Protein backbone atom coordinates (compact mmCIF):
# COMPACT_ATOMS: atom_id res chain seq x y z
CA GLU A 1 -10.15 -54.73 17.28
CA THR A 2 -7.02 -53.65 15.55
CA CYS A 3 -4.99 -50.47 15.18
CA GLN A 4 -3.26 -49.14 12.12
CA ARG A 5 0.33 -48.12 12.01
CA PRO A 6 0.37 -44.80 13.97
CA GLN A 7 1.16 -41.53 12.10
CA TRP A 8 3.43 -40.03 14.77
CA ASP A 9 6.80 -38.42 14.67
CA SER A 10 8.49 -39.81 11.40
CA ARG A 11 11.65 -40.24 13.22
CA ILE A 12 10.11 -42.90 15.53
CA GLN A 13 11.10 -46.52 14.85
CA LEU A 14 8.62 -49.22 15.87
CA ALA A 15 9.42 -52.86 16.76
CA PRO A 16 7.68 -54.81 15.36
CA ASP A 17 7.26 -52.48 12.33
CA GLN A 18 3.92 -53.46 10.54
CA GLU A 19 0.86 -51.78 9.00
CA ASN A 20 -1.61 -53.38 11.55
CA TYR A 21 -1.56 -54.50 15.25
CA LYS A 22 -3.83 -56.59 17.16
CA LYS A 23 -5.57 -55.34 20.31
CA ASN A 24 -3.27 -55.35 23.38
CA GLU A 25 -0.17 -56.07 21.25
CA GLU A 26 2.73 -54.02 22.72
CA VAL A 27 5.09 -52.11 20.48
CA LEU A 28 8.56 -50.92 21.39
CA LEU A 29 9.37 -47.32 20.26
CA SER A 30 12.82 -45.83 19.71
CA CYS A 31 14.35 -42.53 18.24
CA PRO A 32 17.72 -41.73 16.61
CA GLU A 33 20.70 -41.36 18.85
CA GLY A 34 20.48 -38.51 21.23
CA PHE A 35 16.52 -38.63 21.23
CA GLN A 36 13.97 -40.56 23.21
CA PRO A 37 10.15 -40.96 22.40
CA SER A 38 7.62 -39.51 25.03
CA PHE A 39 6.52 -43.06 25.20
CA THR A 40 9.08 -45.99 24.93
CA HIS A 41 6.20 -48.74 25.11
CA VAL A 42 2.75 -48.43 23.58
CA LYS A 43 -0.18 -50.92 23.28
CA CYS A 44 -2.93 -51.21 20.74
CA LEU A 45 -6.32 -50.40 22.58
CA GLY A 46 -8.49 -51.09 19.62
CA GLU A 47 -11.00 -48.69 18.52
CA GLY A 48 -10.72 -45.05 19.83
CA GLN A 49 -12.37 -44.66 23.19
CA PRO A 50 -14.15 -41.44 24.38
CA ILE A 51 -12.57 -39.45 27.19
CA SER A 52 -15.80 -39.36 28.95
CA ASN A 53 -19.33 -40.34 28.52
CA TRP A 54 -20.73 -36.74 28.39
CA ASN A 55 -17.96 -35.42 26.07
CA PRO A 56 -17.48 -37.92 23.26
CA VAL A 57 -13.92 -36.71 22.17
CA TYR A 58 -12.10 -39.90 20.93
CA THR A 59 -8.40 -40.47 21.73
CA ASP A 60 -5.67 -42.04 19.78
CA PRO A 61 -6.46 -45.85 19.93
CA TRP A 62 -3.19 -46.40 21.71
CA LEU A 63 -2.00 -46.68 25.36
CA GLY A 64 1.35 -45.66 26.51
CA ARG A 65 3.47 -46.92 29.61
CA ASP A 66 4.08 -44.07 32.05
CA SER A 67 7.26 -43.77 34.36
CA ARG A 68 5.58 -45.82 36.96
CA GLY A 69 4.76 -48.84 34.74
CA GLY A 70 1.10 -48.05 34.31
CA TRP A 71 -0.77 -47.68 31.08
CA THR A 72 -2.37 -44.20 30.14
CA ARG A 73 -4.22 -42.99 27.17
CA ILE A 74 -2.21 -41.21 24.48
CA GLN A 75 -4.07 -37.94 23.86
CA SER A 76 -1.58 -36.34 21.48
CA SER A 77 1.24 -37.36 19.14
CA VAL A 78 4.20 -39.30 20.30
CA VAL A 79 7.33 -37.43 19.35
CA CYS A 80 11.15 -37.74 19.61
CA ILE A 81 12.50 -35.53 22.43
CA GLU A 82 15.97 -34.51 22.75
CA VAL A 83 17.28 -36.28 25.83
CA LEU A 84 19.83 -33.61 26.75
CA GLN A 85 19.57 -30.05 25.93
CA VAL A 86 22.17 -27.34 26.04
CA VAL A 87 20.13 -24.36 27.58
CA PRO A 88 19.79 -21.85 24.72
CA GLY A 89 21.39 -18.40 25.45
CA THR A 90 23.76 -19.70 28.02
CA LEU A 91 26.63 -20.78 25.90
CA GLU A 92 29.68 -18.71 27.04
CA ILE A 93 32.82 -18.71 24.77
CA SER A 94 35.91 -16.51 25.56
CA SER A 95 39.47 -16.72 24.46
CA THR A 96 40.34 -19.40 27.20
CA THR A 97 37.06 -20.86 28.09
CA ILE A 98 33.91 -22.71 26.79
CA LYS A 99 31.13 -23.01 29.34
CA LEU A 100 27.55 -24.53 28.73
CA ASN A 101 24.40 -25.11 30.81
CA TRP A 102 22.74 -28.42 30.28
CA THR A 103 19.32 -30.06 31.10
CA CYS A 104 18.28 -33.77 30.98
CA ARG A 105 14.69 -34.42 29.98
CA PHE A 106 15.06 -38.08 31.18
CA PRO A 107 17.11 -38.41 34.32
CA ASP A 108 17.00 -42.20 34.29
CA THR A 109 18.72 -42.14 30.83
CA CYS A 110 21.19 -39.58 31.81
CA GLN A 111 22.99 -41.40 34.59
CA SER A 112 26.72 -41.84 34.03
CA MET A 113 26.92 -39.10 31.46
CA ARG A 114 30.38 -37.86 30.57
CA ALA A 115 31.34 -34.47 29.08
CA MET A 116 34.63 -33.98 27.20
CA CYS A 117 36.68 -31.05 25.61
CA ARG A 118 39.22 -32.26 23.05
CA LEU A 119 41.32 -30.30 20.50
CA ALA A 120 39.38 -30.59 17.24
CA GLY A 121 42.29 -31.05 14.98
CA PRO A 122 46.16 -31.28 14.90
CA SER A 123 48.29 -28.50 15.69
CA THR A 124 50.54 -27.08 13.20
CA PRO A 125 53.71 -25.09 13.72
CA PRO A 126 54.20 -22.36 14.63
CA CYS A 127 50.78 -22.34 16.31
CA GLU A 128 51.07 -25.51 18.31
CA ALA A 129 48.17 -26.14 20.60
CA GLU A 130 48.34 -28.76 23.55
CA GLU A 131 45.71 -31.31 24.00
CA VAL A 132 43.31 -30.70 26.94
CA LYS A 133 42.12 -33.27 29.57
CA GLY A 134 38.87 -31.73 30.10
CA GLU A 135 36.51 -34.71 31.12
CA GLU A 136 33.83 -34.49 33.80
CA MET A 137 31.07 -36.92 35.02
CA LEU A 138 27.62 -35.22 34.92
CA HIS A 139 25.04 -35.84 37.60
CA GLY A 140 21.39 -34.87 38.16
CA GLN A 141 18.87 -33.33 36.02
CA GLU A 142 20.78 -30.19 35.24
CA GLY A 143 24.09 -28.47 35.59
CA THR A 144 27.01 -26.44 34.05
CA PHE A 145 30.09 -27.94 32.23
CA THR A 146 33.16 -25.76 31.93
CA CYS A 147 36.33 -26.72 29.78
CA PRO A 148 39.67 -26.32 31.44
CA PRO A 149 41.83 -23.39 30.31
CA LEU A 150 41.96 -23.34 26.57
CA GLN A 151 44.13 -21.45 23.93
CA PRO A 152 42.79 -18.57 22.05
CA PHE A 153 41.59 -18.87 18.34
CA THR A 154 41.59 -22.67 18.43
CA ASP A 155 39.06 -25.27 17.53
CA TYR A 156 37.70 -27.67 20.18
CA SER A 157 34.95 -30.20 20.35
CA VAL A 158 32.58 -30.58 23.30
CA THR A 159 30.94 -33.92 23.51
CA ILE A 160 28.40 -35.11 26.10
CA SER A 161 27.72 -39.01 25.99
CA LEU A 162 27.03 -42.25 27.78
CA PRO A 163 29.61 -44.98 28.22
CA ARG A 164 28.18 -46.95 25.55
CA SER A 165 29.08 -44.27 23.13
CA THR A 166 25.58 -42.92 22.77
CA ILE A 167 26.25 -39.14 21.99
CA PHE A 168 23.78 -36.70 23.35
CA PHE A 169 25.58 -33.60 22.33
CA SER A 170 28.64 -32.85 20.13
CA TRP A 171 29.53 -29.56 18.72
CA LEU A 172 32.70 -27.71 17.32
CA PHE A 173 33.65 -24.38 18.83
CA ARG A 174 36.32 -21.90 18.19
CA THR A 175 37.66 -19.94 21.16
CA GLU A 176 37.63 -16.01 20.79
CA GLU A 177 40.58 -14.16 19.53
CA ALA A 178 43.03 -12.73 22.07
CA VAL A 179 45.78 -9.94 21.52
CA PRO A 180 48.98 -11.24 19.81
CA ASP A 181 52.32 -11.78 21.22
CA LYS A 182 54.77 -8.95 20.77
CA PRO A 183 56.76 -8.95 17.61
CA GLU A 184 60.23 -10.27 17.56
CA LYS A 185 63.50 -9.47 15.84
CA LEU A 186 63.39 -5.77 15.29
CA TRP A 187 66.34 -4.41 13.44
CA LEU A 188 67.32 -1.44 11.30
CA ASP A 189 68.23 -2.20 7.68
CA PRO A 190 71.27 0.20 7.13
CA SER A 191 71.01 0.09 3.39
CA THR A 192 67.38 1.35 3.34
CA GLY A 193 66.97 3.25 6.64
CA SER A 194 63.82 1.09 7.39
CA LEU A 195 62.88 -0.70 10.60
CA ARG A 196 61.95 -4.37 9.90
CA TRP A 197 60.32 -6.90 12.07
CA LYS A 198 59.47 -10.52 11.88
CA ALA A 199 55.69 -11.17 10.77
CA LEU A 200 53.44 -12.41 13.52
CA PRO A 201 51.73 -15.73 13.03
CA SER A 202 47.90 -15.90 13.43
CA CYS A 203 47.99 -18.11 16.54
CA LYS A 204 46.00 -16.07 19.09
CA GLY A 205 43.83 -14.30 16.41
CA GLU A 206 43.99 -13.19 12.64
CA ILE A 207 46.74 -10.60 12.46
CA ILE A 208 44.80 -7.61 10.82
CA GLY A 209 47.71 -5.10 10.94
CA TYR A 210 50.63 -3.51 12.94
CA GLN A 211 50.49 -0.35 15.10
CA LEU A 212 53.78 1.76 15.08
CA ASN A 213 54.56 4.59 17.42
CA ILE A 214 57.58 6.73 16.43
CA THR A 215 58.89 9.17 18.90
CA THR A 216 61.60 11.38 17.61
CA ARG A 217 63.62 14.04 19.60
CA SER A 218 66.41 16.18 18.40
CA THR A 219 69.27 16.99 20.73
CA GLN A 220 70.29 19.89 18.63
CA ASP A 221 67.06 21.53 18.31
CA GLY A 222 65.93 21.77 22.12
CA GLY A 223 62.37 21.27 22.69
CA PHE A 224 61.56 19.33 19.40
CA LEU A 225 59.41 16.33 19.77
CA GLU A 226 57.57 14.43 17.01
CA ILE A 227 55.22 11.43 17.59
CA GLU A 228 53.88 9.45 14.78
CA ARG A 229 51.25 6.78 15.13
CA LEU A 230 50.73 4.59 12.15
CA ARG A 231 48.40 1.67 11.27
CA LEU A 232 50.04 -0.64 8.65
CA SER A 233 48.56 -3.71 7.06
CA SER A 234 49.26 -7.23 8.04
CA SER A 235 51.44 -7.71 4.91
CA VAL A 236 53.80 -4.92 5.87
CA THR A 237 56.77 -5.91 7.96
CA GLU A 238 58.96 -2.71 7.41
CA HIS A 239 58.67 0.94 7.69
CA PRO A 240 61.28 3.92 6.87
CA LEU A 241 62.22 6.02 9.78
CA PRO A 242 61.79 9.88 9.33
CA GLU A 243 64.82 11.71 8.25
CA HIS A 244 66.25 14.06 10.78
CA SER A 245 69.66 15.94 11.31
CA PRO A 246 72.42 14.08 13.17
CA GLY A 247 71.84 13.97 16.83
CA SER A 248 68.15 12.84 16.75
CA SER A 249 67.02 9.81 18.75
CA TYR A 250 64.22 7.47 18.00
CA VAL A 251 62.19 5.35 20.37
CA VAL A 252 59.85 2.97 18.32
CA THR A 253 57.39 0.51 19.49
CA VAL A 254 55.60 -2.03 17.17
CA GLN A 255 52.62 -3.97 18.14
CA GLY A 256 50.49 -6.60 16.28
CA LEU A 257 46.78 -6.04 16.07
CA THR A 258 43.88 -8.63 16.05
CA ALA A 259 40.20 -8.21 16.32
CA ALA A 260 40.76 -8.31 20.18
CA GLY A 261 43.01 -5.25 20.02
CA ALA A 262 46.83 -4.39 20.21
CA GLY A 263 49.35 -6.89 21.64
CA ALA A 264 52.43 -6.20 23.82
CA ALA A 265 54.87 -3.73 22.18
CA SER A 266 58.49 -4.42 21.03
CA LEU A 267 60.61 -1.46 21.76
CA TRP A 268 63.61 -0.20 19.60
CA GLU A 269 65.72 2.79 20.38
CA PHE A 270 68.41 4.42 18.11
CA GLN A 271 70.35 7.56 18.01
CA THR A 272 71.65 8.81 14.54
CA ASN A 273 75.18 9.72 15.72
CA SER A 274 75.67 6.54 17.71
CA SER A 275 75.38 2.82 17.16
CA ASP A 276 74.73 2.22 20.72
CA THR A 277 71.17 1.70 21.97
CA LEU A 278 70.02 4.25 24.76
CA GLN A 279 67.55 4.76 27.36
CA PRO A 280 64.56 7.12 26.60
CA LEU A 281 65.98 10.61 26.75
CA ASP A 282 64.15 13.11 29.00
CA ILE A 283 62.56 15.84 27.00
CA SER A 284 64.61 18.90 26.84
CA CYS A 285 62.37 21.93 26.43
CA ARG A 286 63.40 25.57 25.59
CA SER A 287 63.57 27.96 28.47
CA VAL A 288 61.19 30.92 28.93
CA PRO A 289 62.86 34.02 30.25
CA ASP A 290 60.06 36.46 30.46
CA ILE A 291 57.74 35.36 33.34
CA SER A 292 55.53 37.44 35.44
CA PRO A 293 54.17 35.51 38.51
CA SER A 294 52.20 38.63 39.74
CA GLN A 295 50.15 38.73 36.61
CA GLY A 296 50.23 34.99 35.97
CA THR A 297 51.67 35.23 32.59
CA ALA A 298 54.77 34.02 30.48
CA VAL A 299 55.81 35.37 27.13
CA LEU A 300 56.47 32.52 24.63
CA PRO A 301 58.87 33.21 21.70
CA LEU A 302 56.92 31.08 19.00
CA ARG A 303 58.14 30.22 15.70
CA PRO A 304 56.20 28.17 12.96
CA ILE A 305 57.07 24.53 13.25
CA ALA A 306 56.93 23.86 9.55
CA SER A 307 57.98 25.74 6.54
CA PRO A 308 55.48 27.27 3.99
CA PRO A 309 53.08 26.11 2.73
CA GLU A 310 52.76 23.94 5.89
CA ALA A 311 53.21 26.70 8.14
CA ALA A 312 49.58 28.17 7.19
CA ARG A 313 48.17 25.23 9.11
CA GLU A 314 46.79 25.76 12.46
CA HIS A 315 49.00 25.48 15.46
CA GLN A 316 47.60 24.61 18.96
CA LEU A 317 48.95 25.83 22.05
CA VAL A 318 48.88 23.10 24.82
CA VAL A 319 49.51 23.84 28.40
CA ALA A 320 50.35 21.21 31.06
CA ALA A 321 50.93 21.90 34.69
CA THR A 322 53.94 19.62 35.00
CA HIS A 323 57.63 19.11 33.96
CA ASN A 324 56.98 15.33 33.85
CA GLY A 325 58.37 14.07 30.54
CA THR A 326 55.84 11.22 30.12
CA VAL A 327 52.88 13.43 30.83
CA VAL A 328 54.32 16.03 28.37
CA GLU A 329 54.61 13.30 25.73
CA GLY A 330 51.09 12.25 26.28
CA ALA A 331 49.88 15.82 25.97
CA CYS A 332 51.60 16.19 22.51
CA SER A 333 49.96 13.05 21.10
CA GLY A 334 46.72 13.19 23.12
CA GLU A 335 43.37 15.04 22.78
CA PRO A 336 43.47 18.07 25.22
CA GLN A 337 40.21 19.85 25.61
CA PRO A 338 39.64 23.70 26.37
CA PHE A 339 40.48 24.91 29.82
CA ASN A 340 37.82 24.00 32.46
CA ALA A 341 38.07 25.71 35.85
CA SER A 342 35.75 23.16 37.56
CA GLN A 343 38.04 20.25 36.71
CA PRO A 344 41.45 19.27 38.24
CA PRO A 345 44.44 20.83 36.46
CA GLY A 346 45.47 18.92 33.30
CA ALA A 347 46.62 19.44 29.89
CA TYR A 348 44.46 22.08 27.86
CA VAL A 349 44.31 23.95 24.78
CA ALA A 350 44.92 27.61 25.51
CA ALA A 351 44.81 29.06 21.95
CA VAL A 352 44.76 28.02 18.36
CA LEU A 353 47.08 30.26 16.07
CA ASN A 354 47.32 30.78 12.45
CA LEU A 355 51.16 31.00 12.95
CA THR A 356 52.98 31.95 9.53
CA ALA A 357 55.86 34.11 11.12
CA PRO A 358 57.59 34.23 14.50
CA MET A 359 55.70 36.00 17.20
CA ASP A 360 55.78 36.56 21.04
CA PHE A 361 52.75 35.14 22.60
CA VAL A 362 51.45 36.15 26.13
CA LEU A 363 50.40 32.92 27.83
CA GLY A 364 47.97 33.50 30.68
CA ASN A 365 46.37 36.73 29.61
CA GLU A 366 42.89 35.44 30.36
CA ILE A 367 41.77 36.10 26.76
CA HIS A 368 38.92 33.99 25.34
CA ARG A 369 39.17 33.31 21.55
CA GLN A 370 37.67 30.71 19.38
CA GLY A 371 36.11 28.85 22.32
CA TYR A 372 39.50 28.44 24.10
CA HIS A 373 40.40 30.20 27.42
CA ASN A 374 43.96 31.45 27.81
CA ALA A 375 43.93 30.95 31.60
CA ALA A 376 46.12 32.83 34.03
CA LEU A 377 49.05 30.62 35.30
CA ARG A 378 49.12 29.88 38.97
CA PRO A 379 52.06 31.35 40.96
CA GLY A 380 54.31 28.43 42.41
CA SER A 381 53.41 25.98 39.66
CA ASP A 382 55.62 24.23 37.04
CA TYR A 383 54.43 24.45 33.51
CA THR A 384 55.24 22.98 30.08
CA ALA A 385 53.86 24.69 26.89
CA LEU A 386 53.58 22.78 23.64
CA LEU A 387 53.25 24.51 20.41
CA ARG A 388 51.63 21.72 18.47
CA LEU A 389 51.09 20.75 14.75
CA VAL A 390 48.73 17.80 13.99
CA HIS A 391 48.47 15.95 10.70
CA HIS A 392 45.98 13.22 10.08
CA SER A 393 45.85 10.86 7.09
CA GLN A 394 43.93 7.64 6.50
CA GLN A 395 46.69 5.42 7.93
CA ALA A 396 48.72 7.70 10.21
CA GLU A 397 48.57 10.55 12.64
CA LYS A 398 51.71 12.78 13.30
CA PHE A 399 52.06 15.13 16.25
CA THR A 400 54.82 17.54 15.98
CA CYS A 401 55.51 19.67 19.17
CA VAL A 402 58.10 22.17 20.34
CA CYS A 403 57.99 22.51 24.22
CA TYR A 404 58.72 25.36 26.46
CA SER A 405 59.45 24.57 30.08
CA PHE A 406 59.24 27.11 33.09
CA SER A 407 57.96 27.73 36.64
CA VAL A 408 55.93 30.67 37.61
């Protein structure tokens, strides 16, 4: 006629809490904050009772009050169930958003729930983050909560609770990284000939390095174009400019890098014989006097770009069907493929030369060599040919080109 203290979920608290209970004695069950027992009220039934006369399987000697207020036999352990669950696999975090789907297991308990987004810690200069006012009343048994626009790479807390401060869900999130702002205060240090810039703070993401693109043109050596792409570590905030003869112009872009990619570029322009800044110069290419429209050929007077022993390296001959300076610059630093007649005209590699001495090269003579097709030129078209030398290192790429401009 008595029941021993039940061996259910160890987190369950009983009131009254005792070792034995009399028959029909009611006990109130509770769980830690954010959880609720599968039965909140239980009653001692006494000895275990069989489920049916023909199947003598004995149930737990306890009854539980169901949602309609009736008493039902407890046929399995009473456990603490999470009142509100954030649906696994649905959490979405971007650089500006935190979004989650929620489900309430006990709708009566979840009335008047409130979800909040808050800045998780004080912001410190120079990465000052504004407090968000993300607060929303949740209704029903399930739904979606989305924080208002947030700042990248910043810690926020998301809390779902009842007005009496019963917390169902609380978690700390960090928004994803975004590309950084562009570097500020670019200047040339005249004492060292180096370009300097102010280090970027890790406000939108951890700064993992800087990307530099240096484009050099020579006004004295017509057709000379050099493009250097460098990847520098985050601790480096200066880089020496390449040395060239007077009359060279430089266009330099500096970008910060995070895991999300490269940010906006700061632009710096300089000419060696002038202290004034200048607009980007059009590419001034060398002319080609010997052109044969009927045969679709042009004779290029090629000279090795570098002096020995660098001259022994392979030179590529890249052809672009345009005089557009931007396209030509892109062809110099791009990855042109062999000629493909089935694709629209674009920049292509016509030949690869082991150029160690001056030579006249017939462009468009239809010769196939080393997997490259020196395709015939189309009459009535504009062309730019680039003699290109490429140098790769662990932290840099350098593309040196001499361009020849002509029309067939």
